[in-house]
Amino acid sequence: MQTANFAVAALARHPRPLSPTQSAHDTASPPREEPQFPDAERAARHAVQIWFSGKIEESLMDFRNERCREHCERHDDGALRHHMRMTAFERAYAEEVGRIIVERRYVRPIT
């Protein structure tokens, strides 16, 4: 009887595969919520556009860190909100870098 309980517990921990009548669309993640820090995301995307303009000599990472610090200093947030603002900035920055790389086809083949 102990193995039956183990099987029930194991099934409860792991989601079941899709049934024949269920589509992947039915189980898709919900749409992304409105950004909690839209100003941080706008600032990050703008910073990436500036960096890719070719006028910046700093590395992409150093420029991100400087711009994120400047953006966060303009806000009087507590430690948690500061961390959340930084995370929103860094995520938007990375997404924008990826978008530009794909859009402009900056990826070079490995030789």
N, C-alpha and C. Protein backbone atom coordinates (compact mmCIF):
# COMPACT_ATOMS: atom_id res chain seq x y z
N MET A 1 0.82 -1.19 0.00
CA MET A 1 0.00 0.00 0.00
C MET A 1 0.87 1.26 0.00
N GLN A 2 2.07 1.14 0.54
CA GLN A 2 2.96 2.28 0.61
C GLN A 2 3.40 2.73 -0.79
N THR A 3 3.59 1.80 -1.71
CA THR A 3 3.97 2.18 -3.07
C THR A 3 2.83 2.91 -3.78
N ALA A 4 1.59 2.57 -3.50
CA ALA A 4 0.46 3.27 -4.11
C ALA A 4 0.43 4.73 -3.65
N ASN A 5 0.69 4.96 -2.35
CA ASN A 5 0.73 6.33 -1.84
C ASN A 5 1.89 7.10 -2.47
N PHE A 6 3.00 6.42 -2.67
CA PHE A 6 4.15 7.08 -3.30
C PHE A 6 3.80 7.49 -4.73
N ALA A 7 3.10 6.61 -5.45
CA ALA A 7 2.72 6.92 -6.83
C ALA A 7 1.76 8.10 -6.88
N VAL A 8 0.82 8.17 -5.97
CA VAL A 8 -0.12 9.28 -5.93
C VAL A 8 0.63 10.58 -5.63
N ALA A 9 1.57 10.52 -4.70
CA ALA A 9 2.35 11.71 -4.36
C ALA A 9 3.23 12.14 -5.54
N ALA A 10 3.80 11.20 -6.24
CA ALA A 10 4.64 11.51 -7.39
C ALA A 10 3.81 12.15 -8.50
N LEU A 11 2.61 11.64 -8.75
CA LEU A 11 1.75 12.22 -9.78
C LEU A 11 1.30 13.62 -9.39
N ALA A 12 1.10 13.85 -8.11
CA ALA A 12 0.67 15.17 -7.66
C ALA A 12 1.77 16.21 -7.86
N ARG A 13 3.02 15.78 -7.77
CA ARG A 13 4.14 16.72 -7.92
C ARG A 13 4.42 17.07 -9.37
N HIS A 14 4.13 16.18 -10.30
CA HIS A 14 4.48 16.38 -11.70
C HIS A 14 3.22 16.60 -12.53
N PRO A 15 3.22 17.64 -13.37
CA PRO A 15 2.04 17.86 -14.21
C PRO A 15 1.87 16.74 -15.23
N ARG A 16 0.65 16.51 -15.57
CA ARG A 16 0.35 15.46 -16.55
C ARG A 16 0.59 15.98 -17.95
N PRO A 17 0.90 15.08 -18.88
CA PRO A 17 1.03 15.50 -20.28
C PRO A 17 -0.33 15.96 -20.82
N LEU A 18 -0.30 16.65 -21.93
CA LEU A 18 -1.54 17.13 -22.53
C LEU A 18 -2.43 15.97 -22.93
N SER A 19 -3.72 16.14 -22.70
CA SER A 19 -4.67 15.12 -23.15
C SER A 19 -4.94 15.35 -24.64
N PRO A 20 -5.53 14.38 -25.34
CA PRO A 20 -5.78 14.53 -26.78
C PRO A 20 -6.65 15.75 -27.11
N THR A 21 -7.51 16.19 -26.21
CA THR A 21 -8.39 17.32 -26.49
C THR A 21 -7.80 18.65 -26.04
N GLN A 22 -6.67 18.61 -25.40
CA GLN A 22 -6.04 19.81 -24.87
C GLN A 22 -4.94 20.26 -25.82
N SER A 23 -4.84 21.55 -26.06
CA SER A 23 -3.78 22.06 -26.92
C SER A 23 -2.74 22.76 -26.07
N ALA A 24 -1.57 22.98 -26.65
CA ALA A 24 -0.51 23.68 -25.95
C ALA A 24 -0.95 25.11 -25.63
N HIS A 25 -1.82 25.67 -26.46
CA HIS A 25 -2.31 27.03 -26.23
C HIS A 25 -3.09 27.11 -24.91
N ASP A 26 -3.81 26.04 -24.57
CA ASP A 26 -4.59 26.02 -23.33
C ASP A 26 -3.70 26.09 -22.10
N THR A 27 -2.46 25.65 -22.22
CA THR A 27 -1.58 25.60 -21.06
C THR A 27 -0.50 26.67 -21.13
N ALA A 28 -0.57 27.56 -22.10
CA ALA A 28 0.45 28.60 -22.25
C ALA A 28 0.44 29.52 -21.04
N SER A 29 1.59 30.15 -20.81
CA SER A 29 1.67 31.07 -19.68
C SER A 29 0.81 32.29 -19.96
N PRO A 30 0.33 32.93 -18.91
CA PRO A 30 -0.52 34.10 -19.10
C PRO A 30 0.26 35.24 -19.73
N PRO A 31 -0.42 36.18 -20.35
CA PRO A 31 0.30 37.30 -20.97
C PRO A 31 1.08 38.09 -19.91
N ARG A 32 2.14 38.74 -20.36
CA ARG A 32 3.00 39.49 -19.45
C ARG A 32 2.22 40.65 -18.84
N GLU A 33 2.40 40.84 -17.55
CA GLU A 33 1.72 41.94 -16.86
C GLU A 33 2.33 43.27 -17.27
N GLU A 34 1.61 44.34 -16.98
CA GLU A 34 2.15 45.67 -17.22
C GLU A 34 3.42 45.82 -16.40
N PRO A 35 4.43 46.45 -16.95
CA PRO A 35 5.68 46.59 -16.20
C PRO A 35 5.48 47.41 -14.93
N GLN A 36 6.14 46.99 -13.87
CA GLN A 36 6.02 47.68 -12.60
C GLN A 36 6.88 48.94 -12.60
N PHE A 37 7.93 48.95 -13.41
CA PHE A 37 8.83 50.09 -13.51
C PHE A 37 9.01 50.47 -14.98
N PRO A 38 7.96 51.01 -15.61
CA PRO A 38 8.06 51.33 -17.03
C PRO A 38 9.15 52.35 -17.33
N ASP A 39 9.40 53.27 -16.41
CA ASP A 39 10.45 54.26 -16.64
C ASP A 39 11.83 53.61 -16.68
N ALA A 40 12.04 52.58 -15.87
CA ALA A 40 13.31 51.86 -15.87
C ALA A 40 13.47 51.11 -17.20
N GLU A 41 12.39 50.52 -17.68
CA GLU A 41 12.46 49.78 -18.94
C GLU A 41 12.71 50.73 -20.12
N ARG A 42 12.04 51.88 -20.11
CA ARG A 42 12.28 52.87 -21.18
C ARG A 42 13.73 53.36 -21.15
N ALA A 43 14.23 53.64 -19.95
CA ALA A 43 15.61 54.12 -19.80
C ALA A 43 16.60 53.06 -20.30
N ALA A 44 16.32 51.80 -20.00
CA ALA A 44 17.21 50.71 -20.44
C ALA A 44 17.21 50.59 -21.95
N ARG A 45 16.03 50.62 -22.56
CA ARG A 45 15.96 50.50 -24.02
C ARG A 45 16.65 51.69 -24.69
N HIS A 46 16.48 52.87 -24.11
CA HIS A 46 17.13 54.05 -24.66
C HIS A 46 18.65 53.94 -24.55
N ALA A 47 19.13 53.43 -23.42
CA ALA A 47 20.58 53.25 -23.23
C ALA A 47 21.15 52.29 -24.28
N VAL A 48 20.44 51.24 -24.57
CA VAL A 48 20.91 50.28 -25.59
C VAL A 48 20.98 50.96 -26.96
N GLN A 49 19.96 51.74 -27.28
CA GLN A 49 19.97 52.45 -28.56
C GLN A 49 21.18 53.37 -28.65
N ILE A 50 21.50 54.05 -27.57
CA ILE A 50 22.67 54.94 -27.55
C ILE A 50 23.94 54.13 -27.77
N TRP A 51 24.07 53.00 -27.05
CA TRP A 51 25.29 52.19 -27.17
C TRP A 51 25.47 51.69 -28.60
N PHE A 52 24.38 51.21 -29.20
CA PHE A 52 24.49 50.67 -30.55
C PHE A 52 24.64 51.76 -31.62
N SER A 53 24.50 53.01 -31.23
CA SER A 53 24.72 54.09 -32.21
C SER A 53 26.19 54.17 -32.60
N GLY A 54 27.07 53.57 -31.81
CA GLY A 54 28.48 53.52 -32.14
C GLY A 54 29.29 54.67 -31.57
N LYS A 55 28.68 55.52 -30.77
CA LYS A 55 29.38 56.68 -30.22
C LYS A 55 29.94 56.43 -28.83
N ILE A 56 29.72 55.27 -28.28
CA ILE A 56 30.14 54.93 -26.92
C ILE A 56 31.35 54.01 -27.00
N GLU A 57 32.37 54.31 -26.22
CA GLU A 57 33.57 53.47 -26.23
C GLU A 57 33.61 52.49 -25.07
N GLU A 58 32.72 52.64 -24.10
CA GLU A 58 32.66 51.71 -22.97
C GLU A 58 32.12 50.37 -23.46
N SER A 59 32.39 49.33 -22.67
CA SER A 59 31.80 48.03 -23.00
C SER A 59 30.29 48.10 -22.77
N LEU A 60 29.58 47.19 -23.38
CA LEU A 60 28.13 47.13 -23.23
C LEU A 60 27.74 46.97 -21.76
N MET A 61 28.50 46.14 -21.04
CA MET A 61 28.20 45.89 -19.63
C MET A 61 28.50 47.12 -18.77
N ASP A 62 29.64 47.77 -19.00
CA ASP A 62 29.98 48.96 -18.22
C ASP A 62 28.98 50.08 -18.46
N PHE A 63 28.56 50.24 -19.71
CA PHE A 63 27.58 51.27 -20.03
C PHE A 63 26.25 50.97 -19.35
N ARG A 64 25.85 49.69 -19.36
CA ARG A 64 24.62 49.30 -18.66
C ARG A 64 24.70 49.64 -17.19
N ASN A 65 25.80 49.27 -16.55
CA ASN A 65 25.93 49.52 -15.12
C ASN A 65 25.89 51.00 -14.79
N GLU A 66 26.55 51.82 -15.60
CA GLU A 66 26.56 53.26 -15.37
C GLU A 66 25.16 53.85 -15.54
N ARG A 67 24.49 53.49 -16.63
CA ARG A 67 23.16 54.02 -16.88
C ARG A 67 22.15 53.54 -15.84
N CYS A 68 22.27 52.30 -15.40
CA CYS A 68 21.37 51.78 -14.38
C CYS A 68 21.58 52.53 -13.07
N ARG A 69 22.82 52.74 -12.71
CA ARG A 69 23.13 53.48 -11.48
C ARG A 69 22.56 54.90 -11.56
N GLU A 70 22.78 55.58 -12.68
CA GLU A 70 22.25 56.93 -12.86
C GLU A 70 20.73 56.95 -12.76
N HIS A 71 20.08 55.98 -13.38
CA HIS A 71 18.62 55.91 -13.35
C HIS A 71 18.13 55.69 -11.92
N CYS A 72 18.73 54.75 -11.22
CA CYS A 72 18.27 54.41 -9.87
C CYS A 72 18.53 55.54 -8.87
N GLU A 73 19.58 56.32 -9.09
CA GLU A 73 19.88 57.43 -8.18
C GLU A 73 18.80 58.51 -8.24
N ARG A 74 18.07 58.60 -9.32
CA ARG A 74 17.01 59.61 -9.45
C ARG A 74 15.77 59.25 -8.66
N HIS A 75 15.72 58.05 -8.10
CA HIS A 75 14.54 57.58 -7.37
C HIS A 75 14.90 57.30 -5.92
N ASP A 76 14.01 57.72 -5.04
CA ASP A 76 14.22 57.50 -3.61
C ASP A 76 13.48 56.23 -3.18
N ASP A 77 14.06 55.09 -3.54
CA ASP A 77 13.44 53.80 -3.24
C ASP A 77 14.10 53.16 -2.03
N GLY A 78 13.34 52.32 -1.34
CA GLY A 78 13.92 51.49 -0.31
C GLY A 78 14.74 50.39 -0.97
N ALA A 79 15.37 49.56 -0.17
CA ALA A 79 16.27 48.52 -0.70
C ALA A 79 15.54 47.55 -1.64
N LEU A 80 14.34 47.12 -1.26
CA LEU A 80 13.62 46.15 -2.08
C LEU A 80 13.20 46.77 -3.42
N ARG A 81 12.61 47.96 -3.37
CA ARG A 81 12.20 48.62 -4.62
C ARG A 81 13.42 48.96 -5.49
N HIS A 82 14.53 49.32 -4.87
CA HIS A 82 15.75 49.60 -5.62
C HIS A 82 16.20 48.35 -6.38
N HIS A 83 16.18 47.21 -5.68
CA HIS A 83 16.56 45.95 -6.32
C HIS A 83 15.60 45.61 -7.46
N MET A 84 14.31 45.80 -7.23
CA MET A 84 13.31 45.50 -8.26
C MET A 84 13.49 46.43 -9.46
N ARG A 85 13.80 47.70 -9.22
CA ARG A 85 14.02 48.67 -10.30
C ARG A 85 15.26 48.27 -11.11
N MET A 86 16.34 47.89 -10.41
CA MET A 86 17.56 47.45 -11.09
C MET A 86 17.28 46.22 -11.94
N THR A 87 16.53 45.28 -11.39
CA THR A 87 16.21 44.06 -12.12
C THR A 87 15.39 44.37 -13.37
N ALA A 88 14.41 45.27 -13.26
CA ALA A 88 13.60 45.65 -14.42
C ALA A 88 14.48 46.31 -15.47
N PHE A 89 15.41 47.16 -15.05
CA PHE A 89 16.32 47.83 -15.98
C PHE A 89 17.19 46.79 -16.69
N GLU A 90 17.81 45.91 -15.91
CA GLU A 90 18.72 44.92 -16.49
C GLU A 90 17.99 43.97 -17.43
N ARG A 91 16.78 43.57 -17.07
CA ARG A 91 16.01 42.67 -17.94
C ARG A 91 15.67 43.36 -19.26
N ALA A 92 15.17 44.58 -19.18
CA ALA A 92 14.81 45.31 -20.40
C ALA A 92 16.04 45.57 -21.25
N TYR A 93 17.17 45.86 -20.63
CA TYR A 93 18.42 46.10 -21.34
C TYR A 93 18.82 44.85 -22.12
N ALA A 94 18.78 43.70 -21.45
CA ALA A 94 19.15 42.43 -22.10
C ALA A 94 18.19 42.09 -23.24
N GLU A 95 16.89 42.31 -23.02
CA GLU A 95 15.92 42.03 -24.08
C GLU A 95 16.15 42.91 -25.29
N GLU A 96 16.46 44.18 -25.05
CA GLU A 96 16.68 45.11 -26.16
C GLU A 96 17.97 44.77 -26.90
N VAL A 97 19.01 44.39 -26.19
CA VAL A 97 20.26 43.97 -26.84
C VAL A 97 19.99 42.77 -27.73
N GLY A 98 19.28 41.79 -27.21
CA GLY A 98 18.95 40.61 -28.00
C GLY A 98 18.12 40.94 -29.22
N ARG A 99 17.14 41.83 -29.04
CA ARG A 99 16.29 42.23 -30.17
C ARG A 99 17.12 42.88 -31.27
N ILE A 100 18.03 43.77 -30.88
CA ILE A 100 18.85 44.46 -31.88
C ILE A 100 19.80 43.50 -32.58
N ILE A 101 20.39 42.59 -31.82
CA ILE A 101 21.31 41.62 -32.43
C ILE A 101 20.59 40.79 -33.47
N VAL A 102 19.41 40.34 -33.16
CA VAL A 102 18.65 39.53 -34.11
C VAL A 102 18.17 40.39 -35.28
N GLU A 103 17.65 41.56 -34.97
CA GLU A 103 17.12 42.44 -36.02
C GLU A 103 18.20 42.87 -37.02
N ARG A 104 19.35 43.21 -36.51
CA ARG A 104 20.43 43.71 -37.39
C ARG A 104 21.38 42.61 -37.83
N ARG A 105 21.12 41.41 -37.38
CA ARG A 105 21.91 40.23 -37.76
C ARG A 105 23.40 40.42 -37.45
N TYR A 106 23.67 40.80 -36.19
CA TYR A 106 25.04 40.98 -35.75
C TYR A 106 25.75 39.68 -35.45
N VAL A 107 25.03 38.58 -35.49
CA VAL A 107 25.61 37.29 -35.14
C VAL A 107 26.52 36.85 -36.29
N ARG A 108 27.75 36.52 -35.94
CA ARG A 108 28.72 36.07 -36.94
C ARG A 108 28.94 34.58 -36.79
N PRO A 109 29.16 33.89 -37.89
CA PRO A 109 29.42 32.45 -37.79
C PRO A 109 30.74 32.18 -37.10
N ILE A 110 30.81 31.07 -36.41
CA ILE A 110 32.05 30.66 -35.74
C ILE A 110 33.00 30.12 -36.79
N THR A 111 34.22 30.62 -36.78
CA THR A 111 35.19 30.15 -37.77
C THR A 111 36.30 29.36 -37.15
